[in-house]
Amino acid sequence: EAIKRLGEKREEALQGARDIMAEWISQDERARQSIRREFSYSAIITTKVVKGKESDPEAQKYKDYFAISEPLRRISSHRLLAIRRAENEGFIRVDISPDREKSLDKLAYLFLHANNDAAYQVELAMEDSYKRLLKPAIETEFAASSKEKADTEAIRVFADNLRQLLLESPLGQKRVLAIDPGFRTGCKVVVLSAQGDLLHHTVVFLNTKQATETLQLLIKQYQIEAIAIGNGTASRESEQMVRVAIETMEQEGEKTKRSSAPQVFVVSESGASVYSASKTAREEFPNEDVTVRGAVSIGRRLMDPLAELVKIDPKSIGVGQYQHDVNQTRLGESLQQTVESVVNCVGVDVNTASKHILTYISGLGPALAQNIVNYRSEHGAFTSRKALLN
């Protein structure tokens, strides 16, 4: 019994010594740098679906990530962001690990210098340190750094796409009929002046004689030059309805030349619903409901994409991936800089610009932008740059 107790105390002492050594090894800068290098060279990101989640309908959109294994340094940013989202939603587990044997060999090179009983205890401590302390710590570092790298790439793509969208050629000052398509509640139709002012709005239902007649009447009455159709639900059916109405007018002699008929455009309506419920939209159209505001936004973004899209939170425009998963502060700063860069590159017409786009001009804040709009309303158009001093 005494020998047994002595053996237990001996093992407790050795275990305590190994625990101390494991802490020393995990805190050794040479060891950490060595494992970091191995992570850089050979880390594999592996995913595994959480048991019982395979049949979850919400998890099906992540089924391509249920069981993957690929080098961390080669994984694309959008795949990594998708994996992290699936992990955060509790559908998969993620592991990042380097080659275990190579990692232990690197540690052995640093800490094993003999072949005896003491070295065996050091080896045990080294393996424990790697499994329990070093690997989890470095894995956390690489999970964060790979996420940051993916964020950077996603934000860059987002900013590039936003720049291209904002720099699309405007149709210009044309009389526009805009349609926000819909099946059940009908298509919201608005008529805009060449300056983008709302002149008329109504609702028509697809595949009805009344819809065709209403469109023909509006085209003729307001001398419509272009028609903008949102690309959402019922977009194709709405476009077909519009083209039938135009062709019928031509056949009936309302338009003698096909070239004189209004041009038809399908316009992205991403963010239109966000704009329609925003403070900006309420200020512009306090007496109209959200459906009318959304249709107006569709028409205006055809006339001048830049002037209209600056009113919408860039994250809602739909030109990026996983915008809600990346660092929101960095994303906001990047998109703000992109919008400012584009506006200052293109410039604005001071006699037609809204206060929202004026605020992006360098040197103009919200108060000065509002003052310019107010002065313009009271005294008419600016005739020179010098007049701005007033």
Protein backbone atom coordinates (compact mmCIF):
# COMPACT_ATOMS: atom_id res chain seq x y z
CA GLU A 1 0.00 0.00 0.00
CA ALA A 2 2.84 2.38 0.85
CA ILE A 3 4.57 1.59 -2.44
CA LYS A 4 1.30 2.24 -4.30
CA ARG A 5 0.86 5.62 -2.62
CA LEU A 6 4.48 6.46 -3.35
CA GLY A 7 3.91 5.63 -7.02
CA GLU A 8 0.80 7.85 -7.14
CA LYS A 9 2.70 10.76 -5.58
CA ARG A 10 5.54 10.20 -8.04
CA GLU A 11 3.09 10.34 -10.97
CA GLU A 12 1.43 13.45 -9.53
CA ALA A 13 4.82 15.11 -9.28
CA LEU A 14 5.74 14.20 -12.85
CA GLN A 15 2.35 15.37 -14.10
CA GLY A 16 2.82 18.67 -12.31
CA ALA A 17 6.28 19.05 -13.84
CA ARG A 18 4.89 18.26 -17.31
CA ASP A 19 2.13 20.84 -16.85
CA ILE A 20 4.72 23.47 -15.98
CA MET A 21 6.84 22.53 -18.98
CA ALA A 22 3.80 22.57 -21.24
CA GLU A 23 3.11 26.16 -20.15
CA TRP A 24 6.75 27.12 -20.75
CA ILE A 25 6.70 25.59 -24.24
CA SER A 26 3.41 27.27 -25.18
CA GLN A 27 4.77 30.66 -24.11
CA ASP A 28 8.13 30.24 -25.84
CA GLU A 29 8.27 32.67 -28.77
CA ARG A 30 10.41 30.31 -30.85
CA ALA A 31 7.82 27.56 -30.44
CA ARG A 32 4.93 29.84 -31.34
CA GLN A 33 6.69 31.20 -34.43
CA SER A 34 7.57 27.68 -35.51
CA ILE A 35 3.94 26.51 -35.27
CA ARG A 36 2.75 29.69 -37.00
CA ARG A 37 5.03 28.93 -39.94
CA GLU A 38 3.69 25.39 -40.12
CA PHE A 39 0.12 26.73 -40.09
CA SER A 40 1.06 29.07 -42.94
CA TYR A 41 2.48 26.25 -45.03
CA SER A 42 0.24 23.28 -44.33
CA ALA A 43 -2.92 24.31 -42.45
CA ILE A 44 -6.02 22.50 -43.69
CA ILE A 45 -9.50 23.85 -43.05
CA THR A 46 -11.97 21.04 -42.43
CA THR A 47 -15.71 21.17 -41.90
CA LYS A 48 -18.16 18.64 -40.51
CA VAL A 49 -21.91 18.94 -40.35
CA VAL A 50 -23.39 19.02 -36.85
CA LYS A 51 -25.16 15.76 -36.09
CA GLY A 52 -28.88 16.02 -36.73
CA LYS A 53 -28.60 19.15 -38.89
CA GLU A 54 -28.26 17.32 -42.23
CA SER A 55 -32.01 17.34 -42.82
CA ASP A 56 -32.65 20.86 -41.51
CA PRO A 57 -34.20 22.89 -44.38
CA GLU A 58 -32.28 25.98 -43.27
CA ALA A 59 -29.01 24.05 -43.48
CA GLN A 60 -29.52 22.93 -47.08
CA LYS A 61 -28.15 26.17 -48.50
CA TYR A 62 -24.83 25.21 -46.88
CA LYS A 63 -24.80 21.58 -48.04
CA ASP A 64 -21.73 22.22 -50.20
CA TYR A 65 -19.81 22.95 -46.99
CA PHE A 66 -20.96 19.96 -44.91
CA ALA A 67 -17.69 18.07 -45.47
CA ILE A 68 -14.82 19.89 -47.09
CA SER A 69 -11.08 19.73 -46.58
CA GLU A 70 -8.74 22.09 -48.40
CA PRO A 71 -5.62 24.18 -47.76
CA LEU A 72 -6.44 27.33 -45.81
CA ARG A 73 -4.10 29.48 -47.89
CA ARG A 74 -5.93 28.55 -51.11
CA ILE A 75 -9.56 28.86 -50.05
CA SER A 76 -11.43 31.71 -51.73
CA SER A 77 -12.81 34.56 -49.67
CA HIS A 78 -16.46 33.90 -50.51
CA ARG A 79 -16.15 30.22 -49.54
CA LEU A 80 -14.52 31.10 -46.25
CA LEU A 81 -17.23 33.66 -45.45
CA ALA A 82 -19.91 31.10 -46.28
CA ILE A 83 -18.23 28.55 -43.99
CA ARG A 84 -18.04 31.04 -41.15
CA ARG A 85 -21.70 31.97 -41.58
CA ALA A 86 -22.72 28.29 -41.52
CA GLU A 87 -20.61 27.82 -38.40
CA ASN A 88 -22.14 30.83 -36.67
CA GLU A 89 -25.61 29.54 -37.45
CA GLY A 90 -24.74 26.21 -35.82
CA PHE A 91 -24.88 23.95 -38.89
CA ILE A 92 -21.22 22.93 -39.18
CA ARG A 93 -18.07 22.64 -37.07
CA VAL A 94 -14.80 24.03 -38.40
CA ASP A 95 -11.24 22.95 -37.66
CA ILE A 96 -7.97 24.46 -38.86
CA SER A 97 -4.96 22.19 -38.39
CA PRO A 98 -1.43 21.94 -39.79
CA ASP A 99 0.45 18.69 -40.33
CA ARG A 100 0.68 17.30 -36.78
CA GLU A 101 3.87 15.27 -37.25
CA LYS A 102 5.75 18.14 -38.87
CA SER A 103 4.63 20.47 -36.09
CA LEU A 104 5.83 18.07 -33.39
CA ASP A 105 9.14 17.58 -35.23
CA LYS A 106 9.71 21.34 -35.17
CA LEU A 107 9.04 21.43 -31.42
CA ALA A 108 11.29 18.43 -30.86
CA TYR A 109 14.12 20.23 -32.64
CA LEU A 110 13.77 23.06 -30.12
CA PHE A 111 13.22 21.11 -26.89
CA LEU A 112 14.47 17.52 -27.17
CA HIS A 113 18.24 17.23 -26.81
CA ALA A 114 18.69 13.80 -25.25
CA ASN A 115 17.31 10.25 -25.27
CA ASN A 116 16.62 9.30 -21.67
CA ASP A 117 13.80 9.20 -19.12
CA ALA A 118 13.92 12.97 -18.59
CA ALA A 119 13.68 13.56 -22.36
CA TYR A 120 10.66 11.24 -22.44
CA GLN A 121 8.91 13.45 -19.88
CA VAL A 122 9.79 16.53 -21.94
CA GLU A 123 8.34 14.84 -25.03
CA LEU A 124 5.10 14.09 -23.21
CA ALA A 125 4.93 17.71 -22.03
CA MET A 126 5.67 18.93 -25.57
CA GLU A 127 2.84 16.84 -27.10
CA ASP A 128 0.44 17.99 -24.40
CA SER A 129 1.45 21.62 -24.93
CA TYR A 130 0.85 21.33 -28.67
CA LYS A 131 -2.55 19.66 -28.36
CA ARG A 132 -3.93 21.60 -25.39
CA LEU A 133 -2.31 25.03 -25.66
CA LEU A 134 -0.29 25.82 -28.78
CA LYS A 135 -2.55 24.50 -31.53
CA PRO A 136 -5.80 26.01 -30.17
CA ALA A 137 -4.10 29.39 -29.65
CA ILE A 138 -2.52 29.53 -33.11
CA GLU A 139 -5.70 28.14 -34.69
CA THR A 140 -7.62 31.07 -33.18
CA GLU A 141 -5.03 33.48 -34.62
CA PHE A 142 -5.33 31.97 -38.10
CA ALA A 143 -9.12 31.82 -37.94
CA ALA A 144 -9.11 35.56 -37.23
CA SER A 145 -6.43 36.44 -39.79
CA SER A 146 -8.05 34.35 -42.56
CA LYS A 147 -11.40 35.98 -41.79
CA GLU A 148 -9.77 39.42 -41.95
CA LYS A 149 -8.17 38.52 -45.29
CA ALA A 150 -11.53 37.32 -46.62
CA ASP A 151 -13.16 40.53 -45.36
CA THR A 152 -10.57 42.62 -47.18
CA GLU A 153 -11.15 40.80 -50.46
CA ALA A 154 -14.94 40.89 -50.12
CA ILE A 155 -14.89 44.61 -49.31
CA ARG A 156 -12.61 45.28 -52.29
CA VAL A 157 -14.97 43.42 -54.64
CA PHE A 158 -17.95 45.20 -53.11
CA ALA A 159 -16.34 48.62 -53.58
CA ASP A 160 -15.31 47.84 -57.18
CA ASN A 161 -18.82 46.66 -58.06
CA LEU A 162 -20.36 49.70 -56.41
CA ARG A 163 -18.05 52.02 -58.32
CA GLN A 164 -19.02 50.41 -61.64
CA LEU A 165 -22.71 50.63 -60.79
CA LEU A 166 -22.53 54.29 -59.78
CA LEU A 167 -20.56 55.16 -62.92
CA GLU A 168 -23.13 53.61 -65.28
CA SER A 169 -24.12 56.01 -68.04
CA PRO A 170 -27.30 57.92 -67.18
CA LEU A 171 -30.20 57.99 -69.62
CA GLY A 172 -30.45 61.72 -69.00
CA GLN A 173 -33.42 64.03 -68.72
CA LYS A 174 -36.20 61.98 -70.30
CA ARG A 175 -39.87 61.63 -69.48
CA VAL A 176 -40.02 58.20 -67.86
CA LEU A 177 -42.77 55.76 -67.00
CA ALA A 178 -41.57 53.41 -64.24
CA ILE A 179 -43.13 50.10 -63.24
CA ASP A 180 -42.60 48.15 -60.03
CA PRO A 181 -43.91 44.70 -61.11
CA GLY A 182 -46.20 42.51 -59.03
CA PHE A 183 -48.71 39.68 -59.42
CA ARG A 184 -51.08 39.73 -56.47
CA THR A 185 -51.14 43.45 -55.68
CA GLY A 186 -50.62 44.59 -59.26
CA CYS A 187 -47.91 46.66 -60.92
CA LYS A 188 -47.22 50.10 -59.46
CA VAL A 189 -46.91 52.60 -62.28
CA VAL A 190 -45.50 56.13 -61.94
CA VAL A 191 -44.85 58.90 -64.43
CA LEU A 192 -41.78 61.11 -63.92
CA SER A 193 -40.95 64.40 -65.56
CA ALA A 194 -37.60 64.96 -67.27
CA GLN A 195 -36.37 66.39 -63.94
CA GLY A 196 -37.49 63.31 -62.00
CA ASP A 197 -40.60 64.87 -60.42
CA LEU A 198 -43.59 62.61 -59.77
CA LEU A 199 -46.45 63.56 -62.10
CA HIS A 200 -48.85 60.63 -61.78
CA HIS A 201 -49.19 57.18 -60.26
CA THR A 202 -51.61 54.27 -60.59
CA VAL A 203 -51.85 50.47 -60.37
CA VAL A 204 -52.45 48.03 -63.23
CA PHE A 205 -52.88 44.27 -63.21
CA LEU A 206 -51.06 41.96 -65.60
CA ASN A 207 -52.82 40.46 -68.61
CA THR A 208 -55.84 42.74 -68.50
CA LYS A 209 -57.27 44.99 -71.17
CA GLN A 210 -57.43 47.82 -68.63
CA ALA A 211 -53.66 47.57 -68.09
CA THR A 212 -52.91 47.88 -71.80
CA GLU A 213 -55.27 50.81 -72.22
CA THR A 214 -53.88 52.60 -69.14
CA LEU A 215 -50.28 52.25 -70.35
CA GLN A 216 -51.17 53.48 -73.81
CA LEU A 217 -53.02 56.47 -72.37
CA LEU A 218 -50.11 57.44 -70.10
CA ILE A 219 -47.54 57.04 -72.90
CA LYS A 220 -49.59 59.30 -75.15
CA GLN A 221 -50.69 61.84 -72.53
CA TYR A 222 -47.24 62.41 -71.01
CA GLN A 223 -45.24 61.80 -74.20
CA ILE A 224 -43.19 59.11 -72.50
CA GLU A 225 -39.68 58.66 -73.89
CA ALA A 226 -38.49 55.68 -71.81
CA ILE A 227 -40.01 52.94 -69.69
CA ALA A 228 -38.18 51.46 -66.67
CA ILE A 229 -39.27 48.07 -65.34
CA GLY A 230 -37.97 46.64 -62.06
CA ASN A 231 -36.24 43.28 -62.37
CA GLY A 232 -38.07 41.62 -59.46
CA THR A 233 -41.03 39.24 -59.41
CA ALA A 234 -43.21 39.49 -62.55
CA SER A 235 -40.56 41.54 -64.36
CA ARG A 236 -40.65 39.43 -67.52
CA GLU A 237 -44.45 39.45 -67.64
CA SER A 238 -44.51 43.21 -67.11
CA GLU A 239 -42.01 43.75 -69.93
CA GLN A 240 -44.12 41.62 -72.25
CA MET A 241 -47.23 43.63 -71.27
CA VAL A 242 -45.46 46.91 -72.03
CA ARG A 243 -44.16 45.73 -75.40
CA VAL A 244 -47.62 44.50 -76.40
CA ALA A 245 -49.08 47.90 -75.47
CA ILE A 246 -46.46 49.72 -77.57
CA GLU A 247 -46.88 47.40 -80.56
CA THR A 248 -50.66 47.80 -80.41
CA MET A 249 -50.26 51.59 -80.45
CA GLU A 250 -48.02 51.37 -83.50
CA GLN A 251 -50.43 49.09 -85.31
CA GLU A 252 -53.31 51.45 -84.55
CA GLY A 253 -51.34 54.37 -85.92
CA GLU A 254 -50.70 56.14 -82.60
CA LYS A 255 -46.98 55.91 -83.42
CA THR A 256 -46.09 55.90 -87.07
CA LYS A 257 -42.44 55.02 -86.62
CA ARG A 258 -41.05 52.30 -84.42
CA SER A 259 -38.01 54.45 -83.60
CA SER A 260 -40.27 57.05 -82.01
CA ALA A 261 -41.73 54.56 -79.54
CA PRO A 262 -40.44 54.76 -75.96
CA GLN A 263 -37.40 52.63 -75.16
CA VAL A 264 -37.94 49.84 -72.66
CA PHE A 265 -35.33 49.08 -69.97
CA VAL A 266 -35.20 46.47 -67.21
CA VAL A 267 -33.66 48.11 -64.15
CA SER A 268 -32.24 46.55 -60.99
CA GLU A 269 -34.58 47.24 -58.11
CA SER A 270 -32.13 46.19 -55.39
CA GLY A 271 -32.48 48.60 -52.49
CA ALA A 272 -35.67 50.21 -53.81
CA SER A 273 -37.71 48.82 -50.92
CA VAL A 274 -35.07 50.03 -48.46
CA TYR A 275 -35.20 53.52 -49.97
CA SER A 276 -39.01 53.58 -49.99
CA ALA A 277 -39.15 53.13 -46.21
CA SER A 278 -36.24 55.48 -45.46
CA LYS A 279 -36.29 58.95 -43.94
CA THR A 280 -35.05 60.36 -47.25
CA ALA A 281 -38.05 58.94 -49.13
CA ARG A 282 -40.47 60.23 -46.49
CA GLU A 283 -38.98 63.71 -46.85
CA GLU A 284 -39.30 63.59 -50.65
CA PHE A 285 -42.78 62.06 -50.79
CA PRO A 286 -44.50 62.58 -47.44
CA ASN A 287 -47.96 61.93 -48.88
CA GLU A 288 -47.19 58.79 -50.89
CA ASP A 289 -46.98 55.19 -49.72
CA VAL A 290 -43.91 52.97 -49.96
CA THR A 291 -45.01 51.28 -53.19
CA VAL A 292 -45.11 54.60 -55.05
CA ARG A 293 -41.73 55.64 -53.63
CA GLY A 294 -40.20 52.34 -54.74
CA ALA A 295 -41.45 52.76 -58.29
CA VAL A 296 -40.12 56.33 -58.38
CA SER A 297 -36.70 55.05 -57.31
CA ILE A 298 -36.71 52.52 -60.17
CA GLY A 299 -37.47 55.26 -62.69
CA ARG A 300 -34.96 57.73 -61.32
CA ARG A 301 -32.10 55.23 -61.22
CA LEU A 302 -32.58 54.79 -64.97
CA MET A 303 -32.38 58.56 -65.50
CA ASP A 304 -29.34 59.05 -63.25
CA PRO A 305 -28.05 56.00 -61.30
CA LEU A 306 -25.54 58.02 -59.30
CA ALA A 307 -27.98 60.67 -58.06
CA GLU A 308 -30.52 58.06 -56.97
CA LEU A 309 -28.32 55.31 -55.57
CA VAL A 310 -26.44 57.65 -53.20
CA LYS A 311 -29.70 57.83 -51.21
CA ILE A 312 -29.54 54.11 -50.44
CA ASP A 313 -27.31 52.33 -47.95
CA PRO A 314 -24.67 50.74 -50.25
CA LYS A 315 -25.04 47.42 -48.40
CA SER A 316 -28.63 47.22 -49.67
CA ILE A 317 -27.84 47.75 -53.34
CA GLY A 318 -26.88 44.11 -53.86
CA VAL A 319 -23.45 44.37 -55.47
CA GLY A 320 -21.48 42.34 -52.93
CA GLN A 321 -21.41 38.98 -51.17
CA TYR A 322 -21.87 38.32 -47.47
CA GLN A 323 -21.97 42.04 -46.75
CA HIS A 324 -23.48 41.39 -43.33
CA ASP A 325 -20.69 38.96 -42.38
CA VAL A 326 -17.69 41.20 -42.96
CA ASN A 327 -16.37 43.85 -40.59
CA GLN A 328 -19.14 46.44 -40.69
CA THR A 329 -16.95 49.39 -39.73
CA ARG A 330 -14.41 48.68 -42.47
CA LEU A 331 -17.16 48.00 -45.00
CA GLY A 332 -18.93 51.25 -44.15
CA GLU A 333 -15.71 53.26 -44.45
CA SER A 334 -14.80 51.65 -47.79
CA LEU A 335 -18.22 52.21 -49.32
CA GLN A 336 -18.38 55.79 -48.06
CA GLN A 337 -14.98 56.50 -49.63
CA THR A 338 -16.09 54.86 -52.88
CA VAL A 339 -19.25 56.96 -53.14
CA GLU A 340 -17.33 60.15 -52.31
CA SER A 341 -14.67 59.29 -54.90
CA VAL A 342 -17.25 58.65 -57.64
CA VAL A 343 -19.30 61.77 -56.91
CA ASN A 344 -16.23 63.98 -56.87
CA CYS A 345 -14.93 62.31 -60.03
CA VAL A 346 -18.16 62.90 -61.96
CA GLY A 347 -19.32 66.10 -60.29
CA VAL A 348 -22.92 67.25 -59.97
CA ASP A 349 -25.19 69.80 -61.62
CA VAL A 350 -25.70 72.30 -58.83
CA ASN A 351 -29.06 73.34 -60.27
CA THR A 352 -30.62 69.87 -60.19
CA ALA A 353 -28.64 67.96 -57.53
CA SER A 354 -30.50 66.83 -54.41
CA LYS A 355 -29.11 67.61 -50.98
CA HIS A 356 -28.25 63.92 -50.57
CA ILE A 357 -25.76 63.85 -53.43
CA LEU A 358 -24.47 67.34 -52.57
CA THR A 359 -23.35 66.10 -49.14
CA TYR A 360 -20.82 63.80 -50.86
CA ILE A 361 -19.06 66.73 -52.52
CA SER A 362 -15.82 67.55 -50.74
CA GLY A 363 -16.31 70.53 -48.47
CA LEU A 364 -20.10 70.30 -48.33
CA GLY A 365 -21.81 69.00 -45.21
CA PRO A 366 -25.56 68.40 -44.69
CA ALA A 367 -26.22 72.00 -43.59
CA LEU A 368 -24.48 73.62 -46.57
CA ALA A 369 -26.12 71.17 -48.96
CA GLN A 370 -29.55 72.07 -47.59
CA ASN A 371 -28.71 75.79 -47.83
CA ILE A 372 -27.86 75.38 -51.53
CA VAL A 373 -31.17 73.64 -52.20
CA ASN A 374 -33.10 76.27 -50.24
CA TYR A 375 -31.34 79.16 -52.01
CA ARG A 376 -32.00 77.53 -55.37
CA SER A 377 -35.69 77.16 -54.56
CA GLU A 378 -35.98 80.79 -53.48
CA HIS A 379 -33.82 82.56 -56.08
CA GLY A 380 -33.83 80.16 -59.03
CA ALA A 381 -30.94 78.52 -60.81
CA PHE A 382 -27.33 79.46 -60.14
CA THR A 383 -25.86 81.25 -63.13
CA SER A 384 -22.21 81.16 -62.08
CA ARG A 385 -19.86 79.53 -59.62
CA LYS A 386 -19.51 82.87 -57.89
CA ALA A 387 -23.22 82.84 -57.10
CA LEU A 388 -22.58 79.92 -54.73
CA LEU A 389 -20.86 82.36 -52.37
CA ASN A 390 -24.31 83.71 -51.58
